[in-house]
C-alpha atoms as a PDB file:
ATOM      1  CA  MET A   1      18.786  22.917  43.815  1.00  0.00           C
ATOM      2  CA  LYS A   2      21.130  24.547  41.360  1.00  0.00           C
ATOM      3  CA  GLY A   3      19.832  24.301  37.809  1.00  0.00           C
ATOM      4  CA  TYR A   4      16.390  23.149  38.983  1.00  0.00           C
ATOM      5  CA  LYS A   5      14.476  25.081  36.328  1.00  0.00           C
ATOM      6  CA  LEU A   6      16.831  24.371  33.450  1.00  0.00           C
ATOM      7  CA  ARG A   7      15.137  22.835  30.473  1.00  0.00           C
ATOM      8  CA  TYR A   8      16.780  21.078  27.610  1.00  0.00           C
ATOM      9  CA  PRO A   9      15.050  21.216  24.228  1.00  0.00           C
ATOM     10  CA  THR A  10      14.805  18.002  22.298  1.00  0.00           C
ATOM     11  CA  SER A  11      13.023  16.898  19.169  1.00  0.00           C
ATOM     12  CA  PHE A  12      11.799  13.525  17.911  1.00  0.00           C
ATOM     13  CA  ASN A  13       9.294  11.987  15.514  1.00  0.00           C
ATOM     14  CA  ASP A  14       6.136  10.252  16.691  1.00  0.00           C
ATOM     15  CA  ILE A  15       4.764   7.007  15.234  1.00  0.00           C
ATOM     16  CA  THR A  16       3.214   8.881  12.287  1.00  0.00           C
ATOM     17  CA  ASN A  17       6.564  10.590  11.585  1.00  0.00           C
ATOM     18  CA  ASN A  18       5.359  14.012  12.766  1.00  0.00           C
ATOM     19  CA  ASN A  19       8.065  16.049  14.457  1.00  0.00           C
ATOM     20  CA  ILE A  20       7.476  16.761  18.150  1.00  0.00           C
ATOM     21  CA  ASN A  21       9.391  19.333  20.170  1.00  0.00           C
ATOM     22  CA  ALA A  22       9.730  18.701  23.880  1.00  0.00           C
ATOM     23  CA  TYR A  23      11.576  20.124  26.876  1.00  0.00           C
ATOM     24  CA  VAL A  24      13.239  17.959  29.472  1.00  0.00           C
ATOM     25  CA  TYR A  25      13.357  19.415  32.987  1.00  0.00           C
ATOM     26  CA  VAL A  26      15.692  18.494  35.803  1.00  0.00           C
ATOM     27  CA  PHE A  27      13.738  17.618  38.959  1.00  0.00           C
ATOM     28  CA  LYS A  28      14.020  15.885  42.303  1.00  0.00           C
ATOM     29  CA  LEU A  29      11.968  12.696  42.226  1.00  0.00           C
ATOM     30  CA  ASN A  30      10.714  12.930  45.818  1.00  0.00           C
ATOM     31  CA  ILE A  31       9.454  16.502  45.308  1.00  0.00           C
ATOM     32  CA  ALA A  32       7.824  15.601  41.976  1.00  0.00           C
ATOM     33  CA  LYS A  33       6.030  12.624  43.549  1.00  0.00           C
ATOM     34  CA  LYS A  34       4.838  14.801  46.427  1.00  0.00           C
ATOM     35  CA  ASN A  35       3.440  17.413  44.013  1.00  0.00           C
ATOM     36  CA  VAL A  36       1.724  14.819  41.804  1.00  0.00           C
ATOM     37  CA  ASN A  37       0.187  13.089  44.825  1.00  0.00           C
ATOM     38  CA  TRP A  38      -1.057  16.459  46.130  1.00  0.00           C
ATOM     39  CA  ALA A  39      -2.771  17.176  42.783  1.00  0.00           C
ATOM     40  CA  LEU A  40      -4.214  13.661  42.547  1.00  0.00           C
ATOM     41  CA  GLN A  41      -5.813  14.015  45.975  1.00  0.00           C
ATOM     42  CA  TYR A  42      -8.089  16.696  44.507  1.00  0.00           C
ATOM     43  CA  TRP A  43      -9.000  14.692  41.406  1.00  0.00           C
ATOM     44  CA  LYS A  44      -9.681  11.596  43.506  1.00  0.00           C
ATOM     45  CA  GLU A  45     -11.911  13.752  45.767  1.00  0.00           C
ATOM     46  CA  GLU A  46      -9.656  13.187  48.765  1.00  0.00           C
ATOM     47  CA  ARG A  47      -9.290  16.939  49.438  1.00  0.00           C
ATOM     48  CA  GLU A  48     -11.085  20.193  48.660  1.00  0.00           C
ATOM     49  CA  ALA A  49      -9.851  22.700  46.112  1.00  0.00           C
ATOM     50  CA  GLU A  50      -7.489  25.316  47.523  1.00  0.00           C
ATOM     51  CA  LEU A  51      -7.260  29.005  46.716  1.00  0.00           C
ATOM     52  CA  THR A  52      -4.217  29.989  44.692  1.00  0.00           C
ATOM     53  CA  ASN A  53      -1.739  32.730  45.507  1.00  0.00           C
ATOM     54  CA  ASN A  54      -0.834  33.060  41.821  1.00  0.00           C
ATOM     55  CA  ILE A  55      -2.661  36.163  40.581  1.00  0.00           C
ATOM     56  CA  ASN A  56      -2.189  35.140  36.929  1.00  0.00           C
ATOM     57  CA  LYS A  57      -4.256  31.998  37.454  1.00  0.00           C
ATOM     58  CA  CYS A  58      -7.108  34.063  38.904  1.00  0.00           C
ATOM     59  CA  ARG A  59      -7.042  36.540  36.032  1.00  0.00           C
ATOM     60  CA  ARG A  60      -7.669  33.738  33.543  1.00  0.00           C
ATOM     61  CA  CYS A  61     -10.117  31.708  35.636  1.00  0.00           C
ATOM     62  CA  ASN A  62     -13.657  31.250  34.296  1.00  0.00           C
ATOM     63  CA  TYR A  63     -15.053  31.289  37.841  1.00  0.00           C
ATOM     64  CA  ASN A  64     -13.368  34.414  39.234  1.00  0.00           C
ATOM     65  CA  SER A  65     -16.572  36.492  39.221  1.00  0.00           C
ATOM     66  CA  GLY A  66     -17.961  34.468  42.130  1.00  0.00           C
ATOM     67  CA  CYS A  67     -14.694  33.691  43.889  1.00  0.00           C
ATOM     68  CA  GLU A  68     -13.940  34.756  47.455  1.00  0.00           C
ATOM     69  CA  ARG A  69     -10.275  35.253  46.488  1.00  0.00           C
ATOM     70  CA  LYS A  70     -11.029  37.883  43.820  1.00  0.00           C
ATOM     71  CA  ASN A  71     -11.340  40.855  46.187  1.00  0.00           C
ATOM     72  CA  THR A  72      -8.197  39.906  48.083  1.00  0.00           C
ATOM     73  CA  ILE A  73      -6.199  39.703  44.862  1.00  0.00           C
ATOM     74  CA  SER A  74      -7.548  43.061  43.660  1.00  0.00           C
ATOM     75  CA  ILE A  75      -6.488  44.694  46.924  1.00  0.00           C
ATOM     76  CA  GLN A  76      -3.030  43.086  46.786  1.00  0.00           C
ATOM     77  CA  SER A  77      -2.563  44.212  43.175  1.00  0.00           C
ATOM     78  CA  TYR A  78      -3.562  47.766  44.038  1.00  0.00           C
ATOM     79  CA  HIS A  79      -1.191  47.953  47.001  1.00  0.00           C
ATOM     80  CA  GLY A  80       1.610  46.376  44.976  1.00  0.00           C
ATOM     81  CA  ARG A  81       1.330  49.073  42.303  1.00  0.00           C
ATOM     82  CA  THR A  82       1.045  51.789  44.938  1.00  0.00           C
ATOM     83  CA  GLU A  83       4.247  50.655  46.652  1.00  0.00           C
ATOM     84  CA  LYS A  84       6.174  50.645  43.371  1.00  0.00           C
ATOM     85  CA  THR A  85       5.165  54.199  42.485  1.00  0.00           C
ATOM     86  CA  ARG A  86       6.348  55.689  45.779  1.00  0.00           C
END
């Protein structure tokens, strides 16, 4: 969808008159509902946690020392750097 990741800054005051900055994103309602329902399934214990493909999430995770995904990500990172230097 063209412009899907556009965000529009806005500003308003809350009930205590503190200024709040916010960003409004364009989205497709059916996709947003699907993504929220997918996340809620985990929190409602309707599905198991899934491994991420996003290496940045693993780098910051408190549990990465015992994670089965850690070695795979390390190997992918190494090969990614190797390919770029050739």
